[in-house]
Amino acid sequence: MRKHAFSRLMLIVIMMIGMMVSVLPVRVHAESSDWTPLSYTEISDGDVIAVTMAKDESVWILPTAATGRTPAADTAAVAGGVISASRSAYGWTFKTAEGGFTIAGSEGYLNSGGANNGLRANGAETVWTLDEESGYLKEAETGRYMGVYNSQDWRTYTTVHNNIAGETLSFWKYTGSGEEEPPAETELTDIAAALAGETGTEFKVKGVVTLVDGRNIYIQDSTGGIDLYLPAADDSVSLGDTLIGTGTRAVYRGLPELSDAVIEKSSGMTLEAKETAIGALSEADVCTYISLKGVEVTEV
């Protein structure tokens, strides 16, 4: 289970008595526009389908990659009523089953897990159908409805809960050749550029490790700090290591991160704390290593 005990702005972790602390605080590939909108009843066995949800001015697309948590609510690139997205990253194979379709991604089936936040892209085979009254996809066995929670991730509920209400489901059939250009290698940039980048964009950054928290590796450079969220914990990473991390810009409960990050060891950076005061802390300090002086501890 992923856990962060922090406010929406930041989390302060006391690292030593001298008040050294670390402040802790959607990938959409525009590679192909070969997608055609269609209704649920027009879907045929074996079609490759992108699934989107829309509300107000937002459109989210369901990613196929398995991350060990609920699929991120990646922002869909929509222009002129057409989406632009990668077949490999967002194309689900719909296979006809009794009562509906199984929905298979690159690493397994879409499955609710029988819990609100149990939806996974690498679950067991299960059947989904369109609930005509609500307009939502519904898992036949559990009766769970799927939608986007708080612009954050895809979840399921036993009713069209307020957390997912008011959304519009759409389907898009892939009609391209099935071949995609290999992605260009991501260029190394500073962390500030990644923090300012759009959700869903891939970035490659270099920084020194400020905190290791399971699958979360926090790094900083001279321009800022960010969380590298790994597919699995890496016990070889230590405080003060220099890493190069590549991942997709995302926000998890207010935390800026590069999700599904791939890391490699590097060198040349040292861990140094910036001296500041509690009242001077801001969003710019999220994920960075700081030193607080003159702090009085009144209760432990």
Protein backbone atom coordinates (compact mmCIF):
# COMPACT_ATOMS: atom_id res chain seq x y z
CA MET A 1 0.00 0.00 0.00
CA ARG A 2 1.31 3.43 -0.88
CA LYS A 3 1.20 5.85 1.99
CA HIS A 4 1.98 9.56 2.37
CA ALA A 5 1.33 11.27 5.69
CA PHE A 6 1.41 14.82 4.45
CA SER A 7 -0.86 17.78 3.85
CA ARG A 8 -1.73 18.80 0.30
CA LEU A 9 1.09 21.35 0.42
CA MET A 10 3.95 19.34 1.93
CA LEU A 11 5.14 16.83 4.51
CA ILE A 12 8.03 17.63 6.83
CA VAL A 13 10.05 14.65 7.97
CA ILE A 14 12.52 15.32 10.79
CA MET A 15 15.79 13.69 9.77
CA MET A 16 17.97 14.53 12.81
CA ILE A 17 17.89 16.45 16.07
CA GLY A 18 19.69 19.35 14.40
CA MET A 19 16.43 19.97 12.52
CA MET A 20 17.61 18.62 9.16
CA VAL A 21 14.35 17.80 7.40
CA SER A 22 13.13 16.70 4.02
CA VAL A 23 9.95 18.41 2.77
CA LEU A 24 7.75 16.02 0.90
CA PRO A 25 5.36 17.48 -0.46
CA VAL A 26 -1.07 12.07 -17.70
CA ARG A 27 1.32 10.03 -19.88
CA VAL A 28 -0.41 10.77 -23.17
CA HIS A 29 1.65 10.04 -26.27
CA ALA A 30 0.47 12.22 -29.13
CA GLU A 31 1.79 9.67 -31.60
CA SER A 32 -1.30 8.74 -33.52
CA SER A 33 -4.68 10.27 -34.29
CA ASP A 34 -5.96 7.07 -35.93
CA TRP A 35 -8.93 6.76 -33.58
CA THR A 36 -12.59 6.77 -34.59
CA PRO A 37 -15.40 7.44 -32.08
CA LEU A 38 -18.02 4.72 -31.82
CA SER A 39 -20.81 3.62 -29.53
CA TYR A 40 -20.72 0.63 -27.21
CA THR A 41 -23.07 -1.34 -29.49
CA GLU A 42 -20.69 -0.81 -32.43
CA ILE A 43 -17.75 -2.48 -30.68
CA SER A 44 -16.84 -5.86 -32.21
CA ASP A 45 -14.83 -8.78 -30.90
CA GLY A 46 -11.10 -8.01 -31.02
CA ASP A 47 -11.44 -4.24 -31.51
CA VAL A 48 -8.71 -2.11 -29.97
CA ILE A 49 -10.51 0.58 -28.00
CA ALA A 50 -9.44 3.67 -26.07
CA VAL A 51 -11.73 4.51 -23.14
CA THR A 52 -12.23 8.12 -22.07
CA MET A 53 -14.27 9.97 -19.46
CA ALA A 54 -15.15 13.65 -19.71
CA LYS A 55 -16.48 16.18 -17.22
CA ASP A 56 -16.69 19.94 -17.66
CA GLU A 57 -13.56 20.85 -19.64
CA SER A 58 -11.54 17.73 -18.71
CA VAL A 59 -11.11 14.54 -20.73
CA TRP A 60 -9.29 11.58 -19.19
CA ILE A 61 -8.01 8.45 -20.94
CA LEU A 62 -7.55 5.01 -19.36
CA PRO A 63 -3.91 3.76 -19.54
CA THR A 64 -3.11 0.08 -20.04
CA ALA A 65 0.17 0.00 -18.12
CA ALA A 66 0.25 -1.85 -14.79
CA THR A 67 1.60 0.23 -11.91
CA GLY A 68 0.48 -1.65 -8.80
CA ARG A 69 -2.15 0.98 -8.09
CA THR A 70 -5.28 2.40 -9.67
CA PRO A 71 -4.68 3.60 -13.26
CA ALA A 72 -3.79 7.29 -13.41
CA ALA A 73 -6.31 9.73 -14.87
CA ASP A 74 -4.13 10.72 -17.81
CA THR A 75 -5.32 13.80 -19.65
CA ALA A 76 -6.38 12.96 -23.18
CA ALA A 77 -5.16 15.10 -26.06
CA VAL A 78 -8.32 16.10 -27.94
CA ALA A 79 -8.48 18.39 -30.94
CA GLY A 80 -11.40 18.82 -33.33
CA GLY A 81 -13.28 16.02 -31.63
CA VAL A 82 -10.45 13.52 -32.23
CA ILE A 83 -8.07 12.06 -29.65
CA SER A 84 -4.35 11.69 -30.22
CA ALA A 85 -2.88 8.81 -28.24
CA SER A 86 -0.53 5.86 -28.36
CA ARG A 87 -2.09 2.53 -29.26
CA SER A 88 0.31 0.65 -26.98
CA ALA A 89 -0.30 2.94 -23.98
CA TYR A 90 -4.08 3.34 -24.29
CA GLY A 91 -5.41 0.65 -26.64
CA TRP A 92 -7.52 -2.00 -24.85
CA THR A 93 -8.56 -5.19 -26.65
CA PHE A 94 -12.28 -5.85 -26.21
CA LYS A 95 -13.12 -9.55 -26.45
CA THR A 96 -16.72 -10.72 -26.64
CA ALA A 97 -17.88 -12.59 -23.53
CA GLU A 98 -21.23 -13.64 -22.12
CA GLY A 99 -23.01 -10.45 -21.11
CA GLY A 100 -20.38 -8.05 -22.40
CA PHE A 101 -16.64 -7.85 -23.03
CA THR A 102 -13.40 -8.73 -21.33
CA ILE A 103 -11.01 -5.77 -21.55
CA ALA A 104 -7.35 -6.69 -21.95
CA GLY A 105 -4.34 -4.40 -21.83
CA SER A 106 -0.66 -4.97 -22.47
CA GLU A 107 -0.10 -6.54 -19.03
CA GLY A 108 -3.40 -8.17 -18.12
CA TYR A 109 -7.14 -7.64 -17.79
CA LEU A 110 -9.03 -4.67 -16.38
CA ASN A 111 -10.39 -5.85 -13.03
CA SER A 112 -12.01 -3.94 -10.17
CA GLY A 113 -10.52 -6.09 -7.44
CA GLY A 114 -13.83 -5.77 -5.62
CA ALA A 115 -12.79 -2.51 -3.95
CA ASN A 116 -13.23 1.22 -4.55
CA ASN A 117 -9.53 1.71 -5.22
CA GLY A 118 -8.87 -1.86 -6.36
CA LEU A 119 -9.05 -1.26 -10.12
CA ARG A 120 -5.96 -2.62 -11.85
CA ALA A 121 -4.74 -2.92 -15.41
CA ASN A 122 -3.15 -6.31 -14.72
CA GLY A 123 -5.95 -8.20 -13.00
CA ALA A 124 -7.77 -11.43 -13.69
CA GLU A 125 -10.19 -11.82 -16.60
CA THR A 126 -13.59 -10.31 -15.84
CA VAL A 127 -16.61 -9.16 -17.86
CA TRP A 128 -17.65 -5.53 -18.32
CA THR A 129 -20.86 -4.20 -19.80
CA LEU A 130 -22.45 -0.82 -20.43
CA ASP A 131 -25.12 0.11 -17.90
CA GLU A 132 -27.63 1.89 -20.15
CA GLU A 133 -29.33 3.79 -17.33
CA SER A 134 -26.17 5.43 -15.99
CA GLY A 135 -24.02 5.35 -19.14
CA TYR A 136 -21.08 3.90 -17.20
CA LEU A 137 -19.06 0.73 -17.69
CA LYS A 138 -20.07 -1.82 -15.08
CA GLU A 139 -18.31 -4.99 -13.97
CA ALA A 140 -20.85 -7.79 -14.33
CA GLU A 141 -19.79 -9.93 -11.38
CA THR A 142 -19.35 -7.23 -8.72
CA GLY A 143 -21.80 -4.64 -10.09
CA ARG A 144 -19.13 -1.94 -9.76
CA TYR A 145 -19.23 1.21 -11.90
CA MET A 146 -15.98 2.66 -13.25
CA GLY A 147 -15.15 6.37 -13.39
CA VAL A 148 -12.49 8.97 -12.67
CA TYR A 149 -12.04 10.02 -9.06
CA ASN A 150 -11.15 13.67 -8.36
CA SER A 151 -9.21 14.05 -11.66
CA GLN A 152 -6.72 11.71 -10.00
CA ASP A 153 -7.24 8.08 -11.00
CA TRP A 154 -9.74 5.53 -12.25
CA ARG A 155 -11.79 3.73 -9.57
CA THR A 156 -14.93 1.65 -9.16
CA TYR A 157 -17.94 2.02 -6.88
CA THR A 158 -21.05 -0.05 -6.20
CA THR A 159 -23.16 2.95 -7.30
CA VAL A 160 -22.48 5.96 -9.49
CA HIS A 161 -21.01 7.57 -6.42
CA ASN A 162 -20.60 11.33 -6.05
CA ASN A 163 -16.86 10.76 -6.56
CA ILE A 164 -17.48 9.80 -10.20
CA ALA A 165 -20.89 11.31 -10.95
CA GLY A 166 -21.56 13.58 -13.91
CA GLU A 167 -18.97 12.05 -16.24
CA THR A 168 -19.45 11.11 -19.89
CA LEU A 169 -18.04 7.82 -21.19
CA SER A 170 -16.71 7.53 -24.75
CA PHE A 171 -15.13 4.80 -26.84
CA TRP A 172 -12.57 5.22 -29.65
CA LYS A 173 -11.63 2.45 -32.08
CA TYR A 174 -8.06 2.24 -33.34
CA THR A 175 -8.11 2.26 -37.14
CA GLY A 176 -4.42 2.82 -37.84
CA SER A 177 -1.87 0.39 -39.20
CA GLY A 178 -0.92 -0.90 -35.76
CA GLU A 179 2.65 0.30 -36.20
CA GLU A 180 4.08 3.15 -34.19
CA GLU A 181 7.30 5.05 -34.43
CA PRO A 182 9.68 4.19 -31.59
CA PRO A 183 9.64 7.00 -29.04
CA ALA A 184 12.54 9.43 -29.19
CA GLU A 185 14.98 9.25 -26.31
CA THR A 186 14.04 11.71 -23.60
CA GLU A 187 16.60 14.46 -23.11
CA LEU A 188 17.97 15.24 -19.66
CA THR A 189 16.48 18.38 -18.15
CA ASP A 190 16.49 20.09 -14.77
CA ILE A 191 13.84 19.33 -12.18
CA ALA A 192 12.26 22.77 -12.48
CA ALA A 193 11.38 21.99 -16.10
CA ALA A 194 9.75 18.73 -15.04
CA LEU A 195 7.77 20.48 -12.30
CA ALA A 196 6.52 23.05 -14.82
CA GLY A 197 5.76 20.39 -17.46
CA GLU A 198 2.35 19.12 -18.46
CA THR A 199 0.81 16.08 -16.83
CA GLY A 200 1.41 12.99 -18.98
CA THR A 201 4.70 14.22 -20.44
CA GLU A 202 7.84 12.15 -20.01
CA PHE A 203 10.86 13.77 -18.36
CA LYS A 204 14.40 12.72 -17.53
CA VAL A 205 16.05 14.43 -14.56
CA LYS A 206 19.17 14.15 -12.44
CA GLY A 207 19.24 14.77 -8.72
CA VAL A 208 20.55 13.79 -5.31
CA VAL A 209 18.40 11.55 -3.10
CA THR A 210 16.79 13.40 -0.18
CA LEU A 211 14.59 10.56 1.10
CA VAL A 212 13.87 6.90 0.37
CA ASP A 213 10.31 5.80 1.20
CA GLY A 214 9.61 2.41 -0.36
CA ARG A 215 8.72 2.96 -4.00
CA ASN A 216 9.06 6.72 -3.56
CA ILE A 217 12.52 8.17 -4.13
CA TYR A 218 12.75 11.92 -3.54
CA ILE A 219 15.49 13.80 -5.39
CA GLN A 220 16.53 17.42 -5.82
CA ASP A 221 18.87 19.56 -7.88
CA SER A 222 19.61 23.27 -7.67
CA THR A 223 16.21 24.09 -9.23
CA GLY A 224 13.79 22.02 -7.14
CA GLY A 225 12.73 18.58 -5.93
CA ILE A 226 10.44 15.81 -7.16
CA ASP A 227 9.32 12.29 -6.26
CA LEU A 228 10.35 9.37 -8.46
CA TYR A 229 7.57 6.76 -8.06
CA LEU A 230 9.07 3.38 -8.98
CA PRO A 231 7.26 0.25 -10.18
CA ALA A 232 8.90 -1.54 -7.21
CA ALA A 233 11.07 -0.56 -4.25
CA ASP A 234 14.83 -0.51 -4.89
CA ASP A 235 16.87 -1.37 -1.79
CA SER A 236 20.12 -0.29 -3.46
CA VAL A 237 19.20 3.42 -3.30
CA SER A 238 20.45 5.41 -0.31
CA LEU A 239 20.22 8.96 1.00
CA GLY A 240 22.75 11.13 -0.79
CA ASP A 241 22.98 8.98 -3.95
CA THR A 242 22.96 10.74 -7.31
CA LEU A 243 20.31 9.33 -9.65
CA ILE A 244 19.01 9.88 -13.15
CA GLY A 245 15.29 9.20 -13.25
CA THR A 246 12.94 8.97 -16.22
CA GLY A 247 9.17 8.93 -15.79
CA THR A 248 5.82 10.49 -16.57
CA ARG A 249 4.85 13.81 -14.99
CA ALA A 250 1.95 13.27 -12.64
CA VAL A 251 0.44 14.54 -9.41
CA TYR A 252 -0.57 12.14 -6.65
CA ARG A 253 -2.68 13.77 -3.92
CA GLY A 254 -0.84 17.03 -4.41
CA LEU A 255 2.59 15.42 -4.65
CA PRO A 256 4.58 16.24 -7.84
CA GLU A 257 6.08 13.07 -9.23
CA LEU A 258 7.47 11.19 -12.19
CA SER A 259 5.41 8.00 -12.17
CA ASP A 260 6.57 4.56 -13.36
CA ALA A 261 10.07 5.94 -13.02
CA VAL A 262 13.16 4.13 -14.24
CA ILE A 263 16.36 5.06 -12.40
CA GLU A 264 20.07 4.69 -12.96
CA LYS A 265 22.94 5.49 -10.63
CA SER A 266 25.02 8.54 -11.45
CA SER A 267 27.47 10.83 -9.67
CA GLY A 268 28.53 14.42 -9.17
CA MET A 269 25.91 15.77 -6.75
CA THR A 270 25.95 16.15 -2.97
CA LEU A 271 23.14 16.45 -0.46
CA GLU A 272 23.07 19.94 1.02
CA ALA A 273 20.30 21.50 3.10
CA LYS A 274 18.93 24.96 2.48
CA GLU A 275 18.60 26.95 5.69
CA THR A 276 15.13 28.44 6.09
CA ALA A 277 12.33 29.09 8.56
CA ILE A 278 8.97 27.38 8.94
CA GLY A 279 7.12 30.53 7.94
CA ALA A 280 9.13 30.77 4.74
CA LEU A 281 8.26 27.28 3.47
CA SER A 282 6.38 27.18 0.16
CA GLU A 283 5.45 24.81 -2.64
CA ALA A 284 8.92 25.41 -4.08
CA ASP A 285 10.33 23.48 -1.10
CA VAL A 286 8.32 20.32 -1.74
CA CYS A 287 10.62 17.26 -1.99
CA THR A 288 13.70 19.33 -1.09
CA TYR A 289 16.13 19.00 1.82
CA ILE A 290 16.10 21.90 4.26
CA SER A 291 17.49 22.94 7.62
CA LEU A 292 15.25 24.63 10.18
CA LYS A 293 17.02 26.63 12.90
CA GLY A 294 15.67 27.89 16.20
CA VAL A 295 12.80 25.43 16.33
CA GLU A 296 11.34 24.71 19.76
CA VAL A 297 9.92 21.22 20.26
CA THR A 298 7.02 21.55 22.70
CA GLU A 299 5.71 18.00 22.59
CA VAL A 300 6.83 14.60 21.29
